[in-house]
Every structure is written in C-alpha cells, then in structure tokens.
Protein backbone atom coordinates (compact mmCIF):
# COMPACT_ATOMS: atom_id res chain seq x y z
CA MET A 1 0.30 18.36 2.83
CA PHE A 2 0.29 17.01 6.22
CA SER A 3 4.72 17.74 6.12
CA ASP A 4 3.37 20.85 7.24
CA GLU A 5 1.14 19.74 10.30
CA LEU A 6 4.32 16.81 11.01
CA GLU A 7 6.60 20.32 11.81
CA LYS A 8 4.39 21.66 13.96
CA ILE A 9 4.97 18.46 16.80
CA SER A 10 8.05 18.37 18.32
CA TRP A 11 9.15 14.55 18.87
CA ASP A 12 10.83 15.09 22.04
CA GLU A 13 8.08 16.61 23.60
CA THR A 14 5.54 14.54 22.27
CA THR A 15 7.82 11.19 23.68
CA LYS A 16 8.25 13.47 27.06
CA SER A 17 4.01 14.57 27.53
CA ILE A 18 3.74 9.98 26.71
CA TYR A 19 5.23 9.46 29.42
CA ALA A 20 4.33 12.44 31.71
CA LYS A 21 0.72 10.72 31.68
CA THR A 22 -0.48 9.90 34.64
CA ASP A 23 -3.69 7.58 35.81
CA ALA A 24 -5.66 10.52 35.77
CA ASP A 25 -4.94 11.14 32.40
CA VAL A 26 -6.00 7.99 31.78
CA ARG A 27 -9.43 7.46 33.43
CA ARG A 28 -10.53 10.77 32.25
CA ALA A 29 -9.67 9.40 28.40
CA LEU A 30 -11.78 6.44 29.15
CA ALA A 31 -14.54 8.48 30.29
CA LYS A 32 -14.42 10.34 27.19
CA ASP A 33 -16.87 9.55 23.53
CA ARG A 34 -14.75 11.16 21.42
CA LEU A 35 -11.04 11.50 22.34
CA THR A 36 -8.28 13.78 21.09
CA VAL A 37 -4.80 12.65 20.22
CA ASP A 38 -3.36 14.01 23.74
CA ASP A 39 -6.40 11.32 25.49
CA PHE A 40 -5.05 8.36 23.07
CA MET A 41 -1.22 9.25 24.55
CA ALA A 42 -3.18 8.58 28.06
CA LEU A 43 -4.39 5.47 26.31
CA ILE A 44 -0.43 4.24 24.92
CA SER A 45 1.65 5.46 27.68
CA PRO A 46 2.98 3.25 30.75
CA ALA A 47 0.03 4.89 33.05
CA ALA A 48 -2.78 2.85 31.34
CA GLU A 49 -1.18 -0.47 31.61
CA PRO A 50 -3.22 -1.35 34.37
CA TYR A 51 -6.58 -0.46 32.70
CA LEU A 52 -5.74 -3.06 30.07
CA GLU A 53 -8.92 -4.85 31.00
CA GLN A 54 -11.03 -2.12 30.82
CA MET A 55 -10.07 -0.74 27.50
CA ALA A 56 -10.10 -4.28 26.06
CA LEU A 57 -14.31 -4.19 26.82
CA LYS A 58 -14.49 -0.60 25.54
CA SER A 59 -12.34 -1.87 22.51
CA ARG A 60 -14.44 -4.70 21.75
CA GLN A 61 -17.66 -2.67 22.71
CA ILE A 62 -17.36 -0.05 20.35
CA THR A 63 -15.82 -3.18 17.36
CA LEU A 64 -18.59 -4.42 17.84
CA GLU A 65 -21.42 -1.60 17.41
CA ARG A 66 -19.17 -0.26 14.89
CA PHE A 67 -18.42 -3.30 12.65
CA GLY A 68 -20.61 -6.30 14.30
CA LYS A 69 -18.76 -9.55 13.86
CA THR A 70 -17.36 -9.63 10.48
CA ILE A 71 -13.53 -9.78 10.14
CA SER A 72 -12.83 -8.78 6.45
CA MET A 73 -10.01 -11.20 4.58
CA PHE A 74 -7.80 -10.68 2.13
CA ILE A 75 -4.50 -12.04 0.76
CA PRO A 76 -1.59 -10.07 -0.19
CA LEU A 77 0.80 -10.91 -3.64
CA TYR A 78 4.47 -9.99 -4.47
CA LEU A 79 4.68 -9.43 -8.19
CA THR A 80 8.49 -8.46 -7.72
CA ASN A 81 11.44 -8.06 -5.75
CA SER A 82 13.40 -5.59 -6.99
CA CYS A 83 14.32 -2.85 -5.90
CA THR A 84 16.42 0.31 -5.95
CA ASN A 85 16.29 1.19 -2.18
CA SER A 86 18.59 0.55 0.81
CA CYS A 87 16.26 0.28 3.68
CA VAL A 88 18.63 -1.38 6.41
CA TYR A 89 16.23 -3.43 7.94
CA CYS A 90 14.70 -5.00 4.21
CA GLY A 91 15.51 -8.13 2.39
CA PHE A 92 14.71 -6.35 -0.93
CA HIS A 93 17.90 -4.35 0.17
CA ILE A 94 19.01 -3.36 -3.37
CA GLN A 95 22.66 -4.62 -2.24
CA ASN A 96 21.38 -7.94 -1.04
CA PRO A 97 22.54 -10.31 -3.24
CA MET A 98 19.90 -12.65 -4.11
CA ALA A 99 17.92 -13.41 -7.45
CA ARG A 100 15.45 -10.46 -8.81
CA THR A 101 12.09 -11.68 -9.44
CA ILE A 102 9.48 -9.20 -11.86
CA LEU A 103 6.88 -11.41 -12.99
CA THR A 104 5.04 -11.30 -15.81
CA MET A 105 1.36 -10.89 -16.82
CA GLU A 106 1.32 -14.66 -17.71
CA GLU A 107 3.14 -15.53 -14.33
CA ILE A 108 0.40 -13.17 -12.17
CA GLU A 109 -2.47 -14.61 -14.01
CA SER A 110 -1.42 -18.34 -12.63
CA GLU A 111 -1.21 -16.19 -9.35
CA PHE A 112 -4.17 -15.38 -9.62
CA LYS A 113 -5.81 -18.47 -10.20
CA ALA A 114 -3.49 -20.26 -7.63
CA ILE A 115 -5.17 -17.93 -4.84
CA LYS A 116 -8.39 -18.59 -6.13
CA LYS A 117 -8.20 -22.19 -4.95
CA LEU A 118 -7.26 -21.38 -1.40
CA ALA A 119 -10.23 -19.80 -0.48
CA PRO A 120 -13.17 -17.50 -2.10
CA PHE A 121 -10.93 -14.39 -1.57
CA GLU A 122 -11.82 -11.00 -3.37
CA ASN A 123 -10.02 -8.69 -1.45
CA ILE A 124 -6.08 -8.64 -3.04
CA LEU A 125 -3.14 -6.63 -2.39
CA MET A 126 -0.26 -6.30 -4.59
CA VAL A 127 3.06 -5.54 -3.73
CA THR A 128 6.44 -4.42 -5.30
CA GLY A 129 10.14 -3.55 -4.10
CA GLU A 130 10.20 0.04 -5.50
CA ASN A 131 11.72 -0.19 -8.92
CA PRO A 132 9.48 2.07 -11.04
CA ALA A 133 11.77 1.61 -14.48
CA LYS A 134 10.70 -1.66 -14.55
CA ALA A 135 7.52 -2.50 -12.38
CA GLY A 136 6.24 1.25 -13.12
CA VAL A 137 2.60 2.82 -13.37
CA PRO A 138 2.26 0.90 -16.43
CA TYR A 139 3.32 -2.64 -15.19
CA LEU A 140 0.75 -2.14 -12.28
CA ALA A 141 -2.08 -1.07 -14.62
CA ASN A 142 -1.46 -4.00 -16.70
CA ALA A 143 -1.32 -5.86 -13.25
CA ILE A 144 -4.93 -4.54 -12.14
CA ASP A 145 -6.72 -5.35 -15.80
CA ILE A 146 -5.90 -8.63 -14.91
CA ALA A 147 -7.25 -8.64 -11.46
CA LYS A 148 -10.66 -7.38 -12.27
CA LYS A 149 -11.03 -10.57 -13.76
CA TYR A 150 -10.38 -12.57 -10.27
CA PHE A 151 -11.18 -9.99 -7.45
CA ALA A 152 -13.88 -7.29 -6.35
CA ASN A 153 -11.45 -5.13 -4.37
CA ILE A 154 -8.18 -4.62 -5.35
CA LYS A 155 -5.30 -3.14 -3.69
CA ILE A 156 -1.18 -1.92 -4.05
CA GLU A 157 1.42 -1.59 -1.94
CA VAL A 158 4.39 0.04 -3.90
CA MET A 159 6.70 2.85 -4.35
CA PRO A 160 4.58 6.39 -3.25
CA LEU A 161 2.92 7.69 -6.51
CA ALA A 162 2.12 11.28 -8.39
CA THR A 163 -1.31 12.20 -7.86
CA GLU A 164 -1.94 11.81 -11.58
CA GLU A 165 -0.62 8.16 -11.18
CA TYR A 166 -2.74 6.91 -8.68
CA ALA A 167 -5.89 8.84 -10.86
CA GLU A 168 -4.76 6.86 -13.62
CA LEU A 169 -4.52 3.19 -11.83
CA CYS A 170 -7.46 4.42 -10.14
CA ASP A 171 -9.57 4.94 -13.65
CA HIS A 172 -8.03 0.79 -14.23
CA GLY A 173 -9.75 -0.15 -11.06
CA LEU A 174 -7.68 -0.14 -8.10
CA SER A 175 -9.44 0.84 -5.03
CA GLY A 176 -7.00 1.12 -2.15
CA VAL A 177 -3.35 1.75 -1.54
CA ILE A 178 -1.18 1.03 1.45
CA CYS A 179 1.45 2.37 2.27
CA PHE A 180 3.94 2.43 5.64
CA GLN A 181 5.78 5.72 6.77
CA GLU A 182 7.91 3.32 8.82
CA THR A 183 8.51 6.12 11.06
CA TYR A 184 7.68 9.35 11.60
CA ASN A 185 10.72 10.87 13.33
CA LYS A 186 12.41 12.98 10.82
CA ALA A 187 15.53 13.41 12.24
CA ARG A 188 16.65 9.62 11.95
CA TYR A 189 14.68 8.87 8.82
CA ASN A 190 17.40 8.87 6.63
CA VAL A 191 19.56 6.66 9.32
CA TYR A 192 17.20 3.51 7.85
CA HIS A 193 16.47 4.74 4.60
CA PRO A 194 19.84 6.40 2.90
CA ARG A 195 19.49 5.90 -0.77
CA GLY A 196 17.14 5.58 -2.96
CA MET A 197 13.78 7.37 -3.79
CA LYS A 198 12.69 6.15 -0.18
CA SER A 199 15.00 8.62 1.49
CA LYS A 200 12.85 11.16 0.50
CA PHE A 201 10.73 11.60 4.15
CA GLU A 202 8.17 14.53 2.49
CA TRP A 203 7.69 12.75 -0.42
CA ARG A 204 6.62 9.55 1.28
CA LEU A 205 5.24 11.44 3.66
CA ASN A 206 2.90 13.63 1.86
CA GLY A 207 1.87 10.67 -0.65
CA PHE A 208 -1.51 10.20 1.47
CA ASP A 209 -2.36 13.50 0.55
CA ARG A 210 -1.98 12.62 -2.65
CA MET A 211 -3.83 9.51 -2.66
CA ALA A 212 -6.84 11.22 -1.25
CA GLN A 213 -6.62 13.51 -3.83
CA ALA A 214 -7.03 11.63 -6.48
CA GLY A 215 -10.10 9.79 -5.39
CA VAL A 216 -8.20 6.33 -3.94
CA HIS A 217 -11.14 4.85 -1.68
CA SER A 218 -9.23 3.35 0.79
CA ILE A 219 -5.83 4.47 2.20
CA GLY A 220 -3.85 2.25 4.61
CA MET A 221 -1.33 3.69 6.91
CA GLY A 222 1.38 1.94 8.86
CA VAL A 223 4.52 2.39 10.98
CA LEU A 224 7.21 0.04 11.52
CA VAL A 225 7.20 -1.10 15.04
CA GLY A 226 11.03 -1.17 15.89
CA LEU A 227 12.68 1.67 14.59
CA GLU A 228 11.94 4.46 16.89
CA ASP A 229 10.06 4.88 20.22
CA TRP A 230 6.71 2.80 18.89
CA ARG A 231 4.74 5.42 21.25
CA THR A 232 5.84 8.75 20.14
CA ASP A 233 5.70 7.16 16.34
CA MET A 234 1.81 6.19 16.68
CA THR A 235 1.24 9.01 18.20
CA MET A 236 2.30 10.95 15.00
CA MET A 237 0.10 8.58 13.11
CA ALA A 238 -2.55 9.30 15.25
CA TYR A 239 -2.45 13.11 14.63
CA HIS A 240 -1.85 11.59 10.61
CA VAL A 241 -5.14 9.86 10.60
CA ARG A 242 -7.26 12.52 12.03
CA TYR A 243 -5.25 15.74 9.75
CA LEU A 244 -6.76 12.88 7.05
CA GLU A 245 -9.86 11.96 8.25
CA LYS A 246 -10.57 15.95 8.36
CA ASN A 247 -9.36 17.15 5.05
CA TYR A 248 -10.43 14.09 2.81
CA TRP A 249 -13.44 12.89 4.74
CA LYS A 250 -14.78 10.73 1.84
CA THR A 251 -11.86 8.38 2.10
CA LYS A 252 -11.78 5.06 3.78
CA TYR A 253 -8.88 4.61 6.51
CA SER A 254 -7.11 1.29 7.90
CA VAL A 255 -3.67 1.21 10.14
CA ASN A 256 -1.74 -1.51 11.17
CA PHE A 257 1.47 -2.46 13.47
CA PRO A 258 3.79 -4.55 12.27
CA ARG A 259 6.34 -5.76 14.13
CA MET A 260 9.89 -6.35 13.47
CA ARG A 261 11.51 -9.67 14.79
CA VAL A 262 15.12 -9.61 16.33
CA ALA A 263 17.37 -10.73 13.48
CA GLU A 264 18.44 -14.46 13.86
CA ASN A 265 21.71 -14.09 11.14
CA GLY A 266 23.44 -10.84 12.48
CA GLY A 267 21.54 -8.78 9.98
CA PHE A 268 19.43 -5.69 11.06
CA GLN A 269 18.35 -5.35 15.12
CA PRO A 270 15.23 -3.43 16.20
CA ASN A 271 16.04 -0.60 17.88
CA VAL A 272 12.92 -1.17 20.30
CA ILE A 273 11.13 -4.54 21.05
CA MET A 274 7.09 -4.17 21.27
CA SER A 275 5.68 -6.94 23.83
CA ASP A 276 2.40 -8.48 23.07
CA LYS A 277 0.83 -7.27 26.43
CA GLU A 278 1.68 -3.80 24.47
CA LEU A 279 0.44 -4.43 20.89
CA ALA A 280 -2.92 -5.04 22.27
CA GLN A 281 -2.67 -2.12 24.37
CA LEU A 282 -1.63 -0.14 21.11
CA THR A 283 -4.67 -1.82 19.56
CA PHE A 284 -7.30 -0.78 22.44
CA ALA A 285 -6.11 2.48 21.86
CA PHE A 286 -6.27 3.23 18.63
CA ARG A 287 -10.17 1.71 18.32
CA ILE A 288 -11.02 3.60 21.52
CA PHE A 289 -9.18 6.78 19.64
CA ASP A 290 -10.57 6.12 16.11
CA HIS A 291 -14.33 4.19 15.81
CA ASP A 292 -14.30 4.21 12.51
CA VAL A 293 -10.79 3.21 11.61
CA ASP A 294 -10.07 -0.41 10.19
CA ILE A 295 -7.14 -2.12 12.21
CA SER A 296 -5.16 -4.83 10.26
CA TYR A 297 -3.29 -7.66 11.53
CA SER A 298 -0.79 -9.43 9.03
CA THR A 299 0.17 -12.99 9.31
CA ARG A 300 3.34 -11.81 10.67
CA GLU A 301 1.71 -12.03 13.99
CA PRO A 302 1.16 -15.88 15.32
CA ALA A 303 -1.91 -17.46 15.24
CA ASN A 304 -3.27 -17.04 18.67
CA ILE A 305 -2.13 -13.10 19.04
CA ARG A 306 -4.38 -13.19 15.62
CA ASP A 307 -7.44 -15.06 17.57
CA ASN A 308 -7.27 -13.29 20.58
CA MET A 309 -7.44 -9.88 18.80
CA ALA A 310 -10.18 -10.39 16.12
CA THR A 311 -12.89 -10.27 19.39
CA LEU A 312 -11.31 -6.79 20.82
CA GLY A 313 -10.92 -4.38 17.98
CA VAL A 314 -9.14 -6.09 14.99
CA THR A 315 -11.51 -6.01 11.78
CA THR A 316 -9.24 -6.93 9.11
CA MET A 317 -6.58 -10.24 8.24
CA SER A 318 -4.60 -12.13 6.03
CA ALA A 319 -4.25 -15.84 5.26
CA GLU A 320 -2.21 -18.01 3.73
CA SER A 321 0.50 -15.06 2.48
CA LYS A 322 3.44 -15.81 0.91
CA THR A 323 5.63 -12.84 0.46
CA GLU A 324 8.16 -14.23 -1.67
CA PRO A 325 6.96 -13.33 -5.50
CA GLY A 326 5.30 -15.66 -6.98
CA GLY A 327 5.22 -17.76 -3.74
CA TYR A 328 1.71 -19.20 -4.47
CA PHE A 329 2.18 -20.79 -7.95
CA THR A 330 5.39 -19.63 -10.21
CA TYR A 331 8.30 -19.30 -7.67
CA PRO A 332 7.13 -21.40 -4.29
CA GLN A 333 11.00 -21.19 -2.93
CA ALA A 334 11.57 -17.65 -3.52
CA LEU A 335 13.27 -15.60 -0.78
CA GLU A 336 10.80 -14.12 1.47
CA GLN A 337 10.65 -10.23 2.57
CA PHE A 338 9.85 -11.38 6.40
CA HIS A 339 8.66 -14.83 8.09
CA VAL A 340 4.76 -15.42 8.28
CA SER A 341 3.90 -16.46 11.69
CA ASP A 342 0.70 -17.69 11.13
CA GLU A 343 1.19 -20.46 8.77
CA ARG A 344 -2.52 -21.78 9.24
CA THR A 345 -4.34 -21.83 5.80
CA ALA A 346 -6.78 -19.56 4.72
CA VAL A 347 -9.41 -22.26 5.57
CA GLU A 348 -7.96 -23.02 8.80
CA VAL A 349 -8.33 -19.31 9.47
CA MET A 350 -11.60 -19.06 8.27
CA THR A 351 -12.66 -22.25 11.02
CA ALA A 352 -11.14 -20.53 13.92
CA LEU A 353 -12.96 -17.26 13.29
CA LYS A 354 -16.44 -19.16 13.11
CA LYS A 355 -15.34 -21.00 16.42
CA MET A 356 -14.73 -17.88 18.10
CA GLY A 357 -18.33 -16.29 16.88
CA ARG A 358 -16.61 -14.12 13.95
CA GLU A 359 -17.65 -13.99 10.45
CA PRO A 360 -15.21 -14.04 7.84
CA VAL A 361 -16.02 -11.46 4.83
CA TRP A 362 -14.42 -12.19 1.82
CA LYS A 363 -15.80 -9.78 -0.10
CA ASP A 364 -16.78 -6.14 1.17
CA TRP A 365 -16.39 -3.85 -1.61
CA ASP A 366 -17.05 -3.02 -5.52
CA GLN A 367 -16.16 -0.70 -8.20
CA VAL A 368 -19.51 -0.25 -9.06
CA LEU A 369 -20.31 1.32 -5.39
CA GLN A 370 -17.87 4.07 -6.87
C-alpha cells in the first residue's frame, strides 16, 4: 500500500530539497526524456521560473505527441450534499446549517436528460458528499444503472470504498473513480479533517490501491491547493502516481490541481495562494514528468486560463458545470460546494476550443473496450 511508501518520505526534507534546487538542476531536468521525482521537484521549484517559456514549449510538444489536439469533455452531477464529515474548508461541512438534498432515482434520471440537452456529453462524473448510510454503494449502483442508458463513460467522486465495493460498482458499469487526497501532509491532515470517515488518513490514501485492485479503469487524483505548501504536496502526488503506474500499469491515471479561493464571508481562508503563473508551471512540470497522465482542469478555473492551457498540456475539461445537487433540472438554486469561474455554456467552450485548433471529444471510452 502507498501508505507504507509515504512513511519513507520526509515532508520537511522534501520541502528543503525543492527550495534548494538550482538553475543547473532545472536545465538538467529539461534535457531529459525520462524524469525522476527529483527532476520534477526541480521543475516546480522557484529556480524554474525563468524557464517557463521553455517548459511550455516542451509540454505542448509532449501533449501533441501523446494526445494529439484532442480535449476530452466531461460534466459533473452532484447527487447529494449530505455529508457526515467536518472538513473545515468545505461548504458541505456537517455543521453547516443548510438544506440537505439526496436526489431520488427519478430526479437523477431527470438530471441526465437535462445534461444531454446541453451538449453530446458521454462522460459523466457523479459526485456525492460522504454519507454512506443514505448514499452508499446500493444508492450508487442504482444511479450507475440509470446512467448507463445515457452515458458511455461513468465515473464517481464519492467516499473511499472497500476493494469489493469498487468491484461491485464496476460490475454495474463504473469505469472511473476520482478522489482527492486533499493533502499528503499526515502531520497536519486532521487539522483540516477533524471528524468523520475522512479523518482516517491511511484509509483515504490507500483507497487508490483498492480502486486499482478492483479493476477500476481510470483513477483520478488531486491535491487541494491552499492547505499546505503546494510544491511539497504535488511532489508527494508525483511519488504516488509513479507508485501506482508501476504497480497497477493497466490502469489509466489523471491529475487535477484545484485551487482554493479566499473566502468572502469570513470562512476558512487558504494557507497558501497559488498564482496563475505557478499553476501554469505545475501543469508544464507534470506533463514533462509524466507523458501519459491525463491533466484535467475544471470550471473552478476562469475561461481565459482554461483556454490558454488547452494548448499547453491540459487534456480534459468540464463544461457548464453545476456544483449543487440537481443543479441542471431539479434544484437549480441549491447551495454550491464551490463557485464556478468559467460560466460559459458547453457549446461556447466547444466553439472556443475549435477556434484554437483543438478538437473536443465527447466520447473516448466504452464498456465494450474493457
């Protein structure tokens, strides 16, 4: 399990190593075809800032060679905002006084129908809060059964499950799972996740092993940028990706870099702010580090950043996302988990991508391929 590997890696020593990288380390990394995690550390270090243009060109070249000019399109559907966790930064926090919604199967089907009217989406991501008693595996299995009638590629972003539970959902038609570790800093993990199942660091961390062992086709990973030093957290994720690719090489992997915003209502404030330039640097570095990994940008990011990065390393995007349960048809005014920055319609996103010479791909997977 990856938790055993992470125990061997010092957070503090990794941080020191990143900030000690030199100009020579960066140039050495850029000259390589196959990078180590140490090389990745050089490319995300402050020493690499003068090389952003060179990194962008290399990232673009690698992306074109591996993915061509395609951008895979997906859309999320939030099934519930009911959650038993106490994550201090999340709008679904159990103590947040808000109306809780769990969509019925009839409402879920209505949402699917509404989504299909927006654009020819075939990739659906179903998202829930973590409430296994009310929205657990049986609920998810029923939702997947309905989703199969409308979508070719079905993914979930839910609480970490047991291996046999992932396998059961795969039998129903599940093809992918996305899970955010949030932070790899074990010493401070429970500062942000004090109660609930999400407070169990190893259970969440080793969930990626369980997904792969269950035969999940696609696994998505991410760190919530704003909790801890993003460079150290992303290095830990780079170690994690390499571990998974080595041990579960039949599985496809993707990464995401969601950035927290400064709260306007006195809520949780991020400890770290990642600039647009740093987001670009990280994206280039990850593409140069791993030629095959899928890099995804959600509608958290504004339109101009998404458009620019679509030609420089990003390979998957969401569009016209609603981050409240039933936001497409049933409950369009419910409380969002986070605010969407790119508010363009899916058709507008598609048009913008085509103007940049990119080809939006609505379907890139089918169960018959498994």
